[in-house]
Amino acid sequence: MKGIYLAVLLTVFTYVFLATGIEGPHCFHFTWPGPSISENEIDCGDPDDDDDDGDKPFKHTPCIKPLLFQTTKPNLTDMWKNNEIKEDRMKQMDDGSVCVKFTYMYNGAVINVSYFRGKVTEVLPVTSGCYVQYTEGYNIEVCACKSKNNSMPCNSTVRNTHSLLIISVATVVSLFMYKIFVIP
Protein backbone atom coordinates (compact mmCIF):
# COMPACT_ATOMS: atom_id res chain seq x y z
CA MET A 1 0.00 0.00 0.00
CA LYS A 2 2.88 2.38 0.80
CA GLY A 3 4.23 1.72 -2.69
CA ILE A 4 0.96 2.83 -4.30
CA TYR A 5 0.88 6.03 -2.22
CA LEU A 6 4.49 6.72 -3.14
CA ALA A 7 3.78 6.15 -6.85
CA VAL A 8 0.75 8.48 -6.75
CA LEU A 9 2.73 11.13 -4.86
CA LEU A 10 5.63 10.96 -7.33
CA THR A 11 3.19 11.15 -10.26
CA VAL A 12 1.56 14.27 -8.81
CA PHE A 13 4.93 15.94 -8.13
CA THR A 14 6.14 15.07 -11.63
CA TYR A 15 2.97 16.50 -13.19
CA VAL A 16 3.20 19.72 -11.15
CA PHE A 17 6.88 20.09 -12.06
CA LEU A 18 6.25 19.51 -15.77
CA ALA A 19 3.13 21.66 -15.91
CA THR A 20 4.48 24.68 -14.07
CA GLY A 21 8.26 24.51 -13.87
CA ILE A 22 9.35 24.23 -17.48
CA GLU A 23 7.47 27.13 -19.04
CA GLY A 24 8.73 29.85 -16.76
CA PRO A 25 7.96 33.56 -17.01
CA HIS A 26 7.07 35.11 -20.37
CA CYS A 27 6.97 38.54 -22.00
CA PHE A 28 4.64 39.88 -24.64
CA HIS A 29 6.60 40.09 -27.90
CA PHE A 30 5.05 42.15 -30.72
CA THR A 31 4.50 45.67 -32.02
CA TRP A 32 1.30 47.63 -32.43
CA PRO A 33 2.31 50.03 -35.21
CA GLY A 34 -0.48 52.51 -34.49
CA PRO A 35 -3.97 53.24 -35.75
CA SER A 36 -2.98 54.85 -39.04
CA ILE A 37 -0.64 52.12 -40.35
CA SER A 38 -1.98 49.33 -42.53
CA GLU A 39 -0.33 45.99 -43.29
CA ASN A 40 0.92 46.97 -46.73
CA GLU A 41 2.54 50.23 -45.49
CA ILE A 42 5.10 48.80 -43.09
CA ASP A 43 8.23 46.70 -43.12
CA CYS A 44 10.16 45.84 -39.96
CA GLY A 45 13.39 45.48 -41.92
CA ASP A 46 16.73 46.82 -40.76
CA PRO A 47 16.45 50.64 -40.41
CA ASP A 48 20.19 50.96 -41.09
CA ASP A 49 19.98 49.06 -44.36
CA ASP A 50 21.75 50.92 -47.21
CA ASP A 51 18.85 50.25 -49.59
CA ASP A 52 16.41 52.02 -47.28
CA ASP A 53 15.13 55.47 -48.21
CA GLY A 54 15.08 56.44 -44.50
CA ASP A 55 11.40 57.17 -44.01
CA LYS A 56 10.24 53.98 -42.35
CA PRO A 57 7.84 54.65 -39.48
CA PHE A 58 10.15 52.73 -37.10
CA LYS A 59 13.46 54.43 -37.89
CA HIS A 60 14.21 55.18 -34.20
CA THR A 61 11.89 52.80 -32.37
CA PRO A 62 11.84 49.02 -32.05
CA CYS A 63 9.76 47.13 -34.58
CA ILE A 64 9.09 43.68 -33.18
CA LYS A 65 7.54 41.04 -35.40
CA PRO A 66 4.78 39.95 -35.47
CA LEU A 67 2.84 43.16 -35.95
CA LEU A 68 -0.65 43.55 -34.49
CA PHE A 69 -2.83 45.63 -36.81
CA GLN A 70 -5.93 47.16 -35.26
CA THR A 71 -7.36 50.66 -34.99
CA THR A 72 -7.00 51.00 -31.21
CA LYS A 73 -4.15 50.26 -28.84
CA PRO A 74 -4.48 46.64 -27.69
CA ASN A 75 -5.97 45.98 -24.27
CA LEU A 76 -3.62 43.19 -23.23
CA THR A 77 -5.49 42.42 -20.02
CA ASP A 78 -8.69 41.66 -21.94
CA MET A 79 -6.77 39.77 -24.61
CA TRP A 80 -5.06 37.66 -21.92
CA LYS A 81 -8.32 36.92 -20.07
CA ASN A 82 -10.06 35.92 -23.33
CA ASN A 83 -7.11 33.76 -24.51
CA GLU A 84 -6.62 35.94 -27.60
CA ILE A 85 -2.81 36.07 -27.31
CA LYS A 86 -1.22 33.86 -29.94
CA GLU A 87 1.91 31.88 -29.10
CA ASP A 88 4.02 33.84 -31.59
CA ARG A 89 3.30 37.02 -29.58
CA MET A 90 5.00 35.64 -26.44
CA LYS A 91 8.65 34.88 -25.63
CA GLN A 92 10.09 33.12 -22.62
CA MET A 93 12.32 35.31 -20.45
CA ASP A 94 16.05 34.58 -20.61
CA ASP A 95 18.45 34.89 -17.70
CA GLY A 96 19.31 38.55 -17.22
CA SER A 97 16.49 39.79 -19.44
CA VAL A 98 13.40 41.80 -18.53
CA CYS A 99 10.08 42.42 -20.17
CA VAL A 100 10.05 45.79 -21.93
CA LYS A 101 7.25 48.06 -23.10
CA PHE A 102 8.47 50.79 -25.47
CA THR A 103 5.86 53.50 -26.09
CA TYR A 104 6.28 56.29 -28.65
CA MET A 105 3.94 59.26 -28.05
CA TYR A 106 3.28 62.63 -29.63
CA ASN A 107 1.20 65.34 -27.95
CA GLY A 108 -0.17 62.84 -25.42
CA ALA A 109 -1.34 60.36 -28.08
CA VAL A 110 0.26 56.95 -28.45
CA ILE A 111 1.83 56.59 -31.90
CA ASN A 112 3.06 52.99 -31.51
CA VAL A 113 3.94 50.46 -28.82
CA SER A 114 6.41 47.58 -28.86
CA TYR A 115 6.42 44.79 -26.29
CA PHE A 116 9.47 42.52 -26.07
CA ARG A 117 12.03 40.83 -23.85
CA GLY A 118 15.39 42.51 -23.67
CA LYS A 119 17.83 44.38 -21.52
CA VAL A 120 17.49 47.98 -20.28
CA THR A 121 20.57 49.78 -18.98
CA GLU A 122 21.18 53.16 -17.43
CA VAL A 123 24.37 53.09 -15.37
CA LEU A 124 23.39 49.65 -14.09
CA PRO A 125 20.96 47.10 -15.53
CA VAL A 126 17.34 48.12 -14.91
CA THR A 127 14.96 45.39 -13.70
CA SER A 128 11.88 47.49 -12.98
CA GLY A 129 10.51 50.97 -13.44
CA CYS A 130 9.60 53.41 -16.20
CA TYR A 131 11.73 56.07 -17.81
CA VAL A 132 10.57 58.90 -20.08
CA GLN A 133 12.67 60.84 -22.57
CA TYR A 134 11.31 64.02 -24.15
CA THR A 135 12.60 64.76 -27.66
CA GLU A 136 11.41 67.25 -30.26
CA GLY A 137 7.73 67.02 -29.31
CA TYR A 138 7.83 63.27 -28.88
CA ASN A 139 7.85 61.32 -25.62
CA ILE A 140 9.53 57.95 -25.48
CA GLU A 141 8.59 55.85 -22.47
CA VAL A 142 10.40 52.62 -21.66
CA CYS A 143 9.09 50.40 -18.87
CA ALA A 144 10.94 47.31 -17.63
CA CYS A 145 9.76 44.54 -15.32
CA LYS A 146 10.26 40.89 -14.45
CA SER A 147 7.35 38.52 -15.05
CA LYS A 148 6.41 35.73 -12.67
CA ASN A 149 5.82 32.06 -13.47
CA ASN A 150 2.39 31.14 -14.83
CA SER A 151 0.99 34.65 -14.76
CA MET A 152 0.23 37.38 -17.27
CA PRO A 153 3.44 38.97 -18.61
CA CYS A 154 4.23 42.16 -16.75
CA ASN A 155 5.02 44.33 -19.78
CA SER A 156 1.32 44.99 -20.23
CA THR A 157 1.16 47.33 -17.25
CA VAL A 158 0.68 51.07 -17.35
CA ARG A 159 3.01 53.40 -15.49
CA ASN A 160 1.33 54.92 -12.43
CA THR A 161 1.84 58.67 -12.78
CA HIS A 162 -0.43 59.63 -9.90
CA SER A 163 1.10 57.64 -7.03
CA LEU A 164 2.72 60.68 -5.36
CA LEU A 165 -0.56 62.61 -5.53
CA ILE A 166 -2.49 59.66 -4.06
CA ILE A 167 0.01 59.23 -1.21
CA SER A 168 -0.07 62.97 -0.46
CA VAL A 169 -3.87 63.11 -0.36
CA ALA A 170 -4.05 59.99 1.84
CA THR A 171 -1.54 61.50 4.27
CA VAL A 172 -3.39 64.82 4.50
CA VAL A 173 -6.75 63.08 5.01
CA SER A 174 -5.23 60.83 7.71
CA LEU A 175 -3.74 63.77 9.57
CA PHE A 176 -6.99 65.73 9.27
CA MET A 177 -9.03 62.78 10.60
CA TYR A 178 -6.57 62.34 13.46
CA LYS A 179 -6.96 66.00 14.47
CA ILE A 180 -10.78 65.85 14.31
CA PHE A 181 -11.28 62.71 16.39
CA VAL A 182 -8.53 63.15 18.98
CA ILE A 183 -10.04 64.91 21.99
CA PRO A 184 -7.51 66.32 24.49
C-alpha atoms as a PDB file:
ATOM      1  CA  MET A   1       0.000   0.000   0.000  1.00  0.00           C
ATOM      2  CA  LYS A   2       2.877   2.376   0.796  1.00  0.00           C
ATOM      3  CA  GLY A   3       4.232   1.717  -2.686  1.00  0.00           C
ATOM      4  CA  ILE A   4       0.964   2.831  -4.302  1.00  0.00           C
ATOM      5  CA  TYR A   5       0.879   6.026  -2.218  1.00  0.00           C
ATOM      6  CA  LEU A   6       4.493   6.718  -3.143  1.00  0.00           C
ATOM      7  CA  ALA A   7       3.777   6.150  -6.852  1.00  0.00           C
ATOM      8  CA  VAL A   8       0.754   8.480  -6.754  1.00  0.00           C
ATOM      9  CA  LEU A   9       2.730  11.127  -4.860  1.00  0.00           C
ATOM     10  CA  LEU A  10       5.629  10.959  -7.334  1.00  0.00           C
ATOM     11  CA  THR A  11       3.188  11.155 -10.263  1.00  0.00           C
ATOM     12  CA  VAL A  12       1.555  14.269  -8.810  1.00  0.00           C
ATOM     13  CA  PHE A  13       4.927  15.940  -8.133  1.00  0.00           C
ATOM     14  CA  THR A  14       6.136  15.070 -11.633  1.00  0.00           C
ATOM     15  CA  TYR A  15       2.965  16.496 -13.192  1.00  0.00           C
ATOM     16  CA  VAL A  16       3.204  19.718 -11.155  1.00  0.00           C
ATOM     17  CA  PHE A  17       6.878  20.091 -12.060  1.00  0.00           C
ATOM     18  CA  LEU A  18       6.251  19.507 -15.766  1.00  0.00           C
ATOM     19  CA  ALA A  19       3.128  21.656 -15.909  1.00  0.00           C
ATOM     20  CA  THR A  20       4.479  24.676 -14.066  1.00  0.00           C
ATOM     21  CA  GLY A  21       8.260  24.514 -13.869  1.00  0.00           C
ATOM     22  CA  ILE A  22       9.347  24.232 -17.476  1.00  0.00           C
ATOM     23  CA  GLU A  23       7.471  27.132 -19.039  1.00  0.00           C
ATOM     24  CA  GLY A  24       8.735  29.854 -16.757  1.00  0.00           C
ATOM     25  CA  PRO A  25       7.958  33.559 -17.011  1.00  0.00           C
ATOM     26  CA  HIS A  26       7.065  35.112 -20.369  1.00  0.00           C
ATOM     27  CA  CYS A  27       6.968  38.536 -22.000  1.00  0.00           C
ATOM     28  CA  PHE A  28       4.640  39.879 -24.644  1.00  0.00           C
ATOM     29  CA  HIS A  29       6.602  40.095 -27.903  1.00  0.00           C
ATOM     30  CA  PHE A  30       5.049  42.145 -30.724  1.00  0.00           C
ATOM     31  CA  THR A  31       4.501  45.674 -32.025  1.00  0.00           C
ATOM     32  CA  TRP A  32       1.296  47.626 -32.434  1.00  0.00           C
ATOM     33  CA  PRO A  33       2.312  50.033 -35.214  1.00  0.00           C
ATOM     34  CA  GLY A  34      -0.479  52.509 -34.491  1.00  0.00           C
ATOM     35  CA  PRO A  35      -3.971  53.238 -35.748  1.00  0.00           C
ATOM     36  CA  SER A  36      -2.983  54.846 -39.043  1.00  0.00           C
ATOM     37  CA  ILE A  37      -0.640  52.121 -40.351  1.00  0.00           C
ATOM     38  CA  SER A  38      -1.981  49.325 -42.533  1.00  0.00           C
ATOM     39  CA  GLU A  39      -0.327  45.989 -43.289  1.00  0.00           C
ATOM     40  CA  ASN A  40       0.919  46.967 -46.733  1.00  0.00           C
ATOM     41  CA  GLU A  41       2.538  50.226 -45.490  1.00  0.00           C
ATOM     42  CA  ILE A  42       5.103  48.805 -43.093  1.00  0.00           C
ATOM     43  CA  ASP A  43       8.229  46.696 -43.119  1.00  0.00           C
ATOM     44  CA  CYS A  44      10.160  45.835 -39.965  1.00  0.00           C
ATOM     45  CA  GLY A  45      13.392  45.483 -41.918  1.00  0.00           C
ATOM     46  CA  ASP A  46      16.731  46.821 -40.760  1.00  0.00           C
ATOM     47  CA  PRO A  47      16.448  50.642 -40.414  1.00  0.00           C
ATOM     48  CA  ASP A  48      20.191  50.961 -41.090  1.00  0.00           C
ATOM     49  CA  ASP A  49      19.979  49.063 -44.356  1.00  0.00           C
ATOM     50  CA  ASP A  50      21.751  50.923 -47.211  1.00  0.00           C
ATOM     51  CA  ASP A  51      18.846  50.248 -49.587  1.00  0.00           C
ATOM     52  CA  ASP A  52      16.408  52.020 -47.283  1.00  0.00           C
ATOM     53  CA  ASP A  53      15.134  55.469 -48.209  1.00  0.00           C
ATOM     54  CA  GLY A  54      15.084  56.443 -44.496  1.00  0.00           C
ATOM     55  CA  ASP A  55      11.398  57.175 -44.010  1.00  0.00           C
ATOM     56  CA  LYS A  56      10.243  53.985 -42.350  1.00  0.00           C
ATOM     57  CA  PRO A  57       7.845  54.649 -39.480  1.00  0.00           C
ATOM     58  CA  PHE A  58      10.152  52.729 -37.102  1.00  0.00           C
ATOM     59  CA  LYS A  59      13.462  54.427 -37.890  1.00  0.00           C
ATOM     60  CA  HIS A  60      14.209  55.181 -34.205  1.00  0.00           C
ATOM     61  CA  THR A  61      11.895  52.802 -32.369  1.00  0.00           C
ATOM     62  CA  PRO A  62      11.837  49.016 -32.053  1.00  0.00           C
ATOM     63  CA  CYS A  63       9.763  47.134 -34.585  1.00  0.00           C
ATOM     64  CA  ILE A  64       9.094  43.683 -33.178  1.00  0.00           C
ATOM     65  CA  LYS A  65       7.539  41.038 -35.398  1.00  0.00           C
ATOM     66  CA  PRO A  66       4.776  39.949 -35.466  1.00  0.00           C
ATOM     67  CA  LEU A  67       2.841  43.158 -35.946  1.00  0.00           C
ATOM     68  CA  LEU A  68      -0.653  43.546 -34.487  1.00  0.00           C
ATOM     69  CA  PHE A  69      -2.833  45.633 -36.812  1.00  0.00           C
ATOM     70  CA  GLN A  70      -5.931  47.160 -35.260  1.00  0.00           C
ATOM     71  CA  THR A  71      -7.364  50.658 -34.993  1.00  0.00           C
ATOM     72  CA  THR A  72      -7.000  50.999 -31.210  1.00  0.00           C
ATOM     73  CA  LYS A  73      -4.151  50.260 -28.837  1.00  0.00           C
ATOM     74  CA  PRO A  74      -4.479  46.640 -27.692  1.00  0.00           C
ATOM     75  CA  ASN A  75      -5.968  45.981 -24.266  1.00  0.00           C
ATOM     76  CA  LEU A  76      -3.622  43.193 -23.228  1.00  0.00           C
ATOM     77  CA  THR A  77      -5.494  42.418 -20.017  1.00  0.00           C
ATOM     78  CA  ASP A  78      -8.693  41.659 -21.937  1.00  0.00           C
ATOM     79  CA  MET A  79      -6.772  39.765 -24.613  1.00  0.00           C
ATOM     80  CA  TRP A  80      -5.061  37.660 -21.918  1.00  0.00           C
ATOM     81  CA  LYS A  81      -8.319  36.915 -20.073  1.00  0.00           C
ATOM     82  CA  ASN A  82     -10.059  35.922 -23.333  1.00  0.00           C
ATOM     83  CA  ASN A  83      -7.111  33.758 -24.512  1.00  0.00           C
ATOM     84  CA  GLU A  84      -6.622  35.937 -27.601  1.00  0.00           C
ATOM     85  CA  ILE A  85      -2.811  36.074 -27.309  1.00  0.00           C
ATOM     86  CA  LYS A  86      -1.222  33.860 -29.944  1.00  0.00           C
ATOM     87  CA  GLU A  87       1.909  31.879 -29.103  1.00  0.00           C
ATOM     88  CA  ASP A  88       4.023  33.839 -31.591  1.00  0.00           C
ATOM     89  CA  ARG A  89       3.295  37.021 -29.582  1.00  0.00           C
ATOM     90  CA  MET A  90       4.996  35.640 -26.439  1.00  0.00           C
ATOM     91  CA  LYS A  91       8.647  34.883 -25.631  1.00  0.00           C
ATOM     92  CA  GLN A  92      10.085  33.120 -22.624  1.00  0.00           C
ATOM     93  CA  MET A  93      12.322  35.310 -20.451  1.00  0.00           C
ATOM     94  CA  ASP A  94      16.053  34.578 -20.605  1.00  0.00           C
ATOM     95  CA  ASP A  95      18.455  34.889 -17.697  1.00  0.00           C
ATOM     96  CA  GLY A  96      19.309  38.548 -17.221  1.00  0.00           C
ATOM     97  CA  SER A  97      16.488  39.787 -19.435  1.00  0.00           C
ATOM     98  CA  VAL A  98      13.402  41.797 -18.525  1.00  0.00           C
ATOM     99  CA  CYS A  99      10.078  42.416 -20.173  1.00  0.00           C
ATOM    100  CA  VAL A 100      10.051  45.791 -21.935  1.00  0.00           C
ATOM    101  CA  LYS A 101       7.250  48.056 -23.097  1.00  0.00           C
ATOM    102  CA  PHE A 102       8.475  50.794 -25.471  1.00  0.00           C
ATOM    103  CA  THR A 103       5.857  53.496 -26.093  1.00  0.00           C
ATOM    104  CA  TYR A 104       6.283  56.293 -28.647  1.00  0.00           C
ATOM    105  CA  MET A 105       3.942  59.256 -28.051  1.00  0.00           C
ATOM    106  CA  TYR A 106       3.276  62.631 -29.634  1.00  0.00           C
ATOM    107  CA  ASN A 107       1.203  65.344 -27.955  1.00  0.00           C
ATOM    108  CA  GLY A 108      -0.167  62.844 -25.424  1.00  0.00           C
ATOM    109  CA  ALA A 109      -1.336  60.364 -28.080  1.00  0.00           C
ATOM    110  CA  VAL A 110       0.257  56.952 -28.454  1.00  0.00           C
ATOM    111  CA  ILE A 111       1.831  56.588 -31.900  1.00  0.00           C
ATOM    112  CA  ASN A 112       3.056  52.990 -31.507  1.00  0.00           C
ATOM    113  CA  VAL A 113       3.942  50.458 -28.821  1.00  0.00           C
ATOM    114  CA  SER A 114       6.415  47.575 -28.857  1.00  0.00           C
ATOM    115  CA  TYR A 115       6.422  44.788 -26.286  1.00  0.00           C
ATOM    116  CA  PHE A 116       9.467  42.517 -26.065  1.00  0.00           C
ATOM    117  CA  ARG A 117      12.028  40.834 -23.854  1.00  0.00           C
ATOM    118  CA  GLY A 118      15.388  42.511 -23.666  1.00  0.00           C
ATOM    119  CA  LYS A 119      17.834  44.384 -21.517  1.00  0.00           C
ATOM    120  CA  VAL A 120      17.490  47.980 -20.279  1.00  0.00           C
ATOM    121  CA  THR A 121      20.570  49.778 -18.983  1.00  0.00           C
ATOM    122  CA  GLU A 122      21.176  53.157 -17.433  1.00  0.00           C
ATOM    123  CA  VAL A 123      24.371  53.088 -15.372  1.00  0.00           C
ATOM    124  CA  LEU A 124      23.389  49.650 -14.093  1.00  0.00           C
ATOM    125  CA  PRO A 125      20.957  47.100 -15.526  1.00  0.00           C
ATOM    126  CA  VAL A 126      17.341  48.121 -14.912  1.00  0.00           C
ATOM    127  CA  THR A 127      14.963  45.390 -13.696  1.00  0.00           C
ATOM    128  CA  SER A 128      11.878  47.493 -12.980  1.00  0.00           C
ATOM    129  CA  GLY A 129      10.510  50.974 -13.438  1.00  0.00           C
ATOM    130  CA  CYS A 130       9.599  53.406 -16.198  1.00  0.00           C
ATOM    131  CA  TYR A 131      11.728  56.066 -17.807  1.00  0.00           C
ATOM    132  CA  VAL A 132      10.572  58.898 -20.078  1.00  0.00           C
ATOM    133  CA  GLN A 133      12.669  60.845 -22.572  1.00  0.00           C
ATOM    134  CA  TYR A 134      11.307  64.019 -24.145  1.00  0.00           C
ATOM    135  CA  THR A 135      12.605  64.760 -27.661  1.00  0.00           C
ATOM    136  CA  GLU A 136      11.410  67.251 -30.256  1.00  0.00           C
ATOM    137  CA  GLY A 137       7.729  67.023 -29.306  1.00  0.00           C
ATOM    138  CA  TYR A 138       7.826  63.268 -28.878  1.00  0.00           C
ATOM    139  CA  ASN A 139       7.854  61.318 -25.615  1.00  0.00           C
ATOM    140  CA  ILE A 140       9.533  57.952 -25.480  1.00  0.00           C
ATOM    141  CA  GLU A 141       8.585  55.847 -22.472  1.00  0.00           C
ATOM    142  CA  VAL A 142      10.395  52.620 -21.662  1.00  0.00           C
ATOM    143  CA  CYS A 143       9.090  50.397 -18.867  1.00  0.00           C
ATOM    144  CA  ALA A 144      10.943  47.313 -17.632  1.00  0.00           C
ATOM    145  CA  CYS A 145       9.757  44.543 -15.318  1.00  0.00           C
ATOM    146  CA  LYS A 146      10.258  40.887 -14.447  1.00  0.00           C
ATOM    147  CA  SER A 147       7.348  38.520 -15.049  1.00  0.00           C
ATOM    148  CA  LYS A 148       6.407  35.727 -12.673  1.00  0.00           C
ATOM    149  CA  ASN A 149       5.822  32.064 -13.474  1.00  0.00           C
ATOM    150  CA  ASN A 150       2.386  31.142 -14.827  1.00  0.00           C
ATOM    151  CA  SER A 151       0.992  34.655 -14.764  1.00  0.00           C
ATOM    152  CA  MET A 152       0.232  37.377 -17.266  1.00  0.00           C
ATOM    153  CA  PRO A 153       3.435  38.975 -18.609  1.00  0.00           C
ATOM    154  CA  CYS A 154       4.229  42.158 -16.752  1.00  0.00           C
ATOM    155  CA  ASN A 155       5.017  44.326 -19.780  1.00  0.00           C
ATOM    156  CA  SER A 156       1.317  44.993 -20.232  1.00  0.00           C
ATOM    157  CA  THR A 157       1.158  47.327 -17.247  1.00  0.00           C
ATOM    158  CA  VAL A 158       0.684  51.067 -17.352  1.00  0.00           C
ATOM    159  CA  ARG A 159       3.007  53.401 -15.490  1.00  0.00           C
ATOM    160  CA  ASN A 160       1.330  54.915 -12.434  1.00  0.00           C
ATOM    161  CA  THR A 161       1.841  58.666 -12.785  1.00  0.00           C
ATOM    162  CA  HIS A 162      -0.434  59.630  -9.900  1.00  0.00           C
ATOM    163  CA  SER A 163       1.095  57.642  -7.031  1.00  0.00           C
ATOM    164  CA  LEU A 164       2.724  60.681  -5.365  1.00  0.00           C
ATOM    165  CA  LEU A 165      -0.561  62.608  -5.526  1.00  0.00           C
ATOM    166  CA  ILE A 166      -2.489  59.659  -4.063  1.00  0.00           C
ATOM    167  CA  ILE A 167       0.005  59.230  -1.208  1.00  0.00           C
ATOM    168  CA  SER A 168      -0.068  62.966  -0.455  1.00  0.00           C
ATOM    169  CA  VAL A 169      -3.871  63.110  -0.360  1.00  0.00           C
ATOM    170  CA  ALA A 170      -4.055  59.994   1.835  1.00  0.00           C
ATOM    171  CA  THR A 171      -1.540  61.502   4.267  1.00  0.00           C
ATOM    172  CA  VAL A 172      -3.394  64.819   4.505  1.00  0.00           C
ATOM    173  CA  VAL A 173      -6.749  63.079   5.011  1.00  0.00           C
ATOM    174  CA  SER A 174      -5.232  60.826   7.714  1.00  0.00           C
ATOM    175  CA  LEU A 175      -3.739  63.775   9.573  1.00  0.00           C
ATOM    176  CA  PHE A 176      -6.991  65.732   9.275  1.00  0.00           C
ATOM    177  CA  MET A 177      -9.030  62.780  10.599  1.00  0.00           C
ATOM    178  CA  TYR A 178      -6.573  62.340  13.461  1.00  0.00           C
ATOM    179  CA  LYS A 179      -6.959  66.002  14.469  1.00  0.00           C
ATOM    180  CA  ILE A 180     -10.778  65.853  14.309  1.00  0.00           C
ATOM    181  CA  PHE A 181     -11.282  62.709  16.385  1.00  0.00           C
ATOM    182  CA  VAL A 182      -8.535  63.148  18.982  1.00  0.00           C
ATOM    183  CA  ILE A 183     -10.036  64.907  21.993  1.00  0.00           C
ATOM    184  CA  PRO A 184      -7.509  66.319  24.488  1.00  0.00           C
END
